[in-house]
C-alpha atoms as a PDB file:
ATOM      1  CA  MET A   1     -84.140 116.412 110.904  1.00  0.00           C
ATOM      2  CA  PRO A   2     -82.927 115.182 107.515  1.00  0.00           C
ATOM      3  CA  PRO A   3     -85.358 116.038 104.705  1.00  0.00           C
ATOM      4  CA  ASP A   4     -85.915 112.666 103.048  1.00  0.00           C
ATOM      5  CA  ALA A   5     -86.641 109.148 104.236  1.00  0.00           C
ATOM      6  CA  ASP A   6     -83.268 107.681 103.201  1.00  0.00           C
ATOM      7  CA  GLU A   7     -81.332 110.400 105.005  1.00  0.00           C
ATOM      8  CA  GLN A   8     -83.605 110.026 108.033  1.00  0.00           C
ATOM      9  CA  ALA A   9     -82.960 106.278 108.127  1.00  0.00           C
ATOM     10  CA  VAL A  10     -79.195 106.810 107.876  1.00  0.00           C
ATOM     11  CA  ALA A  11     -79.328 109.336 110.736  1.00  0.00           C
ATOM     12  CA  VAL A  12     -81.298 106.901 112.902  1.00  0.00           C
ATOM     13  CA  PHE A  13     -79.025 103.936 112.194  1.00  0.00           C
ATOM     14  CA  THR A  14     -75.926 106.065 112.773  1.00  0.00           C
ATOM     15  CA  ALA A  15     -77.270 107.295 116.106  1.00  0.00           C
ATOM     16  CA  LEU A  16     -78.112 103.745 117.168  1.00  0.00           C
ATOM     17  CA  THR A  17     -74.573 102.463 116.592  1.00  0.00           C
ATOM     18  CA  ASP A  18     -73.444 103.851 119.931  1.00  0.00           C
ATOM     19  CA  PRO A  19     -74.302 101.742 123.004  1.00  0.00           C
ATOM     20  CA  THR A  20     -74.538 104.817 125.254  1.00  0.00           C
ATOM     21  CA  ARG A  21     -77.161 106.385 122.993  1.00  0.00           C
ATOM     22  CA  ARG A  22     -79.088 103.112 122.956  1.00  0.00           C
ATOM     23  CA  THR A  23     -78.939 103.067 126.770  1.00  0.00           C
ATOM     24  CA  LEU A  24     -80.286 106.616 126.910  1.00  0.00           C
ATOM     25  CA  LEU A  25     -83.127 105.747 124.535  1.00  0.00           C
ATOM     26  CA  ASP A  26     -83.955 102.685 126.613  1.00  0.00           C
ATOM     27  CA  GLU A  27     -83.980 104.740 129.794  1.00  0.00           C
ATOM     28  CA  LEU A  28     -86.310 107.330 128.265  1.00  0.00           C
ATOM     29  CA  ALA A  29     -88.564 104.553 126.945  1.00  0.00           C
ATOM     30  CA  ARG A  30     -88.745 102.850 130.346  1.00  0.00           C
ATOM     31  CA  THR A  31     -89.107 105.884 132.606  1.00  0.00           C
ATOM     32  CA  GLY A  32     -90.480 108.655 130.417  1.00  0.00           C
ATOM     33  CA  PRO A  33     -89.190 112.189 129.864  1.00  0.00           C
ATOM     34  CA  ALA A  34     -86.080 113.161 131.810  1.00  0.00           C
ATOM     35  CA  THR A  35     -83.563 115.963 132.041  1.00  0.00           C
ATOM     36  CA  VAL A  36     -79.807 115.611 131.606  1.00  0.00           C
ATOM     37  CA  THR A  37     -79.397 115.825 135.383  1.00  0.00           C
ATOM     38  CA  GLU A  38     -82.021 113.147 136.050  1.00  0.00           C
ATOM     39  CA  LEU A  39     -80.391 110.819 133.533  1.00  0.00           C
ATOM     40  CA  ALA A  40     -76.950 111.449 135.075  1.00  0.00           C
ATOM     41  CA  LEU A  41     -78.301 110.432 138.482  1.00  0.00           C
ATOM     42  CA  ARG A  42     -79.663 107.158 137.084  1.00  0.00           C
ATOM     43  CA  LEU A  43     -76.817 106.147 134.789  1.00  0.00           C
ATOM     44  CA  PRO A  44     -73.029 105.842 135.196  1.00  0.00           C
ATOM     45  CA  ILE A  45     -72.468 108.551 132.584  1.00  0.00           C
ATOM     46  CA  SER A  46     -71.334 112.145 133.123  1.00  0.00           C
ATOM     47  CA  ARG A  47     -73.758 115.003 132.530  1.00  0.00           C
ATOM     48  CA  GLN A  48     -71.519 116.314 129.744  1.00  0.00           C
ATOM     49  CA  ALA A  49     -71.512 112.957 127.947  1.00  0.00           C
ATOM     50  CA  ILE A  50     -75.275 112.643 128.353  1.00  0.00           C
ATOM     51  CA  ALA A  51     -75.809 116.129 126.920  1.00  0.00           C
ATOM     52  CA  LYS A  52     -73.581 115.298 123.937  1.00  0.00           C
ATOM     53  CA  HIS A  53     -75.382 112.027 123.238  1.00  0.00           C
ATOM     54  CA  LEU A  54     -78.824 113.602 123.670  1.00  0.00           C
ATOM     55  CA  ALA A  55     -77.878 116.259 121.114  1.00  0.00           C
ATOM     56  CA  GLN A  56     -76.928 113.514 118.641  1.00  0.00           C
ATOM     57  CA  LEU A  57     -80.183 111.661 119.323  1.00  0.00           C
ATOM     58  CA  ALA A  58     -82.114 114.883 118.807  1.00  0.00           C
ATOM     59  CA  ASP A  59     -80.262 115.570 115.536  1.00  0.00           C
ATOM     60  CA  ALA A  60     -81.328 112.105 114.350  1.00  0.00           C
ATOM     61  CA  GLY A  61     -84.917 112.907 115.320  1.00  0.00           C
ATOM     62  CA  LEU A  62     -85.114 110.129 117.921  1.00  0.00           C
ATOM     63  CA  ILE A  63     -85.815 112.458 120.842  1.00  0.00           C
ATOM     64  CA  ARG A  64     -86.950 116.009 121.304  1.00  0.00           C
ATOM     65  CA  PRO A  65     -86.856 118.436 124.158  1.00  0.00           C
ATOM     66  CA  GLY A  66     -90.152 118.839 125.939  1.00  0.00           C
ATOM     67  CA  GLU A  67     -91.530 122.034 127.375  1.00  0.00           C
ATOM     68  CA  THR A  68     -89.220 123.823 129.758  1.00  0.00           C
ATOM     69  CA  VAL A  69     -90.427 123.742 133.362  1.00  0.00           C
ATOM     70  CA  GLY A  70     -88.467 126.346 135.279  1.00  0.00           C
ATOM     71  CA  ARG A  71     -84.870 125.494 134.469  1.00  0.00           C
ATOM     72  CA  ARG A  72     -85.721 121.883 133.630  1.00  0.00           C
ATOM     73  CA  LEU A  73     -85.646 120.759 130.006  1.00  0.00           C
ATOM     74  CA  PRO A  74     -86.881 117.176 129.846  1.00  0.00           C
ATOM     75  CA  TYR A  75     -86.185 115.092 126.760  1.00  0.00           C
ATOM     76  CA  ARG A  76     -88.750 112.665 125.400  1.00  0.00           C
ATOM     77  CA  LEU A  77     -88.823 110.021 122.709  1.00  0.00           C
ATOM     78  CA  ASP A  78     -90.063 111.006 119.262  1.00  0.00           C
ATOM     79  CA  PRO A  79     -91.316 107.986 117.285  1.00  0.00           C
ATOM     80  CA  THR A  80     -91.331 109.799 113.922  1.00  0.00           C
ATOM     81  CA  ALA A  81     -87.717 108.990 113.044  1.00  0.00           C
ATOM     82  CA  VAL A  82     -88.082 105.360 114.111  1.00  0.00           C
ATOM     83  CA  ARG A  83     -91.124 105.038 111.869  1.00  0.00           C
ATOM     84  CA  ALA A  84     -89.122 106.441 108.937  1.00  0.00           C
ATOM     85  CA  ALA A  85     -86.338 103.911 109.593  1.00  0.00           C
ATOM     86  CA  GLN A  86     -88.909 101.096 109.872  1.00  0.00           C
ATOM     87  CA  ALA A  87     -90.424 102.141 106.542  1.00  0.00           C
ATOM     88  CA  TRP A  88     -86.974 102.061 104.943  1.00  0.00           C
ATOM     89  CA  LEU A  89     -86.340  98.585 106.383  1.00  0.00           C
ATOM     90  CA  ALA A  90     -89.760  97.394 105.173  1.00  0.00           C
ATOM     91  CA  THR A  91     -88.954  98.599 101.655  1.00  0.00           C
ATOM     92  CA  LEU A  92     -85.620  96.780 101.797  1.00  0.00           C
ATOM     93  CA  ALA A  93     -87.299  93.615 103.079  1.00  0.00           C
ATOM     94  CA  ASN A  94     -89.876  93.772 100.292  1.00  0.00           C
ATOM     95  CA  ARG A  95     -87.119  94.099  97.700  1.00  0.00           C
ATOM     96  CA  TRP A  96     -85.392  91.053  99.157  1.00  0.00           C
ATOM     97  CA  ASP A  97     -88.689  89.151  99.187  1.00  0.00           C
ATOM     98  CA  ASP A  98     -89.235  90.051  95.529  1.00  0.00           C
ATOM     99  CA  ARG A  99     -85.735  88.874  94.617  1.00  0.00           C
ATOM    100  CA  LEU A 100     -86.081  85.659  96.572  1.00  0.00           C
ATOM    101  CA  THR A 101     -89.454  84.963  94.974  1.00  0.00           C
ATOM    102  CA  ALA A 102     -87.943  85.522  91.522  1.00  0.00           C
ATOM    103  CA  LEU A 103     -85.063  83.199  92.385  1.00  0.00           C
ATOM    104  CA  GLU A 104     -87.444  80.543  93.684  1.00  0.00           C
ATOM    105  CA  HIS A 105     -89.509  80.819  90.500  1.00  0.00           C
ATOM    106  CA  ALA A 106     -86.364  80.544  88.354  1.00  0.00           C
ATOM    107  CA  LEU A 107     -85.214  77.465  90.260  1.00  0.00           C
ATOM    108  CA  ASP A 108     -88.641  75.849  89.970  1.00  0.00           C
ATOM    109  CA  THR A 109     -88.639  76.550  86.221  1.00  0.00           C
ATOM    110  CA  ASP A 110     -85.143  75.074  85.807  1.00  0.00           C
ATOM    111  CA  GLU A 111     -86.141  71.930  87.699  1.00  0.00           C
ATOM    112  CA  GLY A 112     -89.001  71.379  85.297  1.00  0.00           C
ATOM    113  CA  ASP A 113     -86.608  71.598  82.319  1.00  0.00           C
ATOM    114  CA  THR A 114     -84.223  68.838  83.498  1.00  0.00           C
ATOM    115  CA  PRO A 115     -84.902  65.261  82.381  1.00  0.00           C
END
């Protein structure tokens, strides 16, 4: 996982750009932990493609492998990375709010100065 919040957010947003990865995340969110094979049975995606996309999601910190059961390695969602991305977005939103408030104040002040 990337070491700081900005890098974590970039990794999350980059991972989410791909519709297949979003589909995999949605599937894991709806049905719970699943292996590559289980996901391949449910989705029209090859096992190899699923494994590649799961590795990218894991690198971004969005999922993690669970405990191995026999030869099964189920993947599960990890909310930590999403929380880091949400925090980054909240900071950005607050900055925009601050700028918009300053602009509103400036416009209100200018209106009071006109005859």
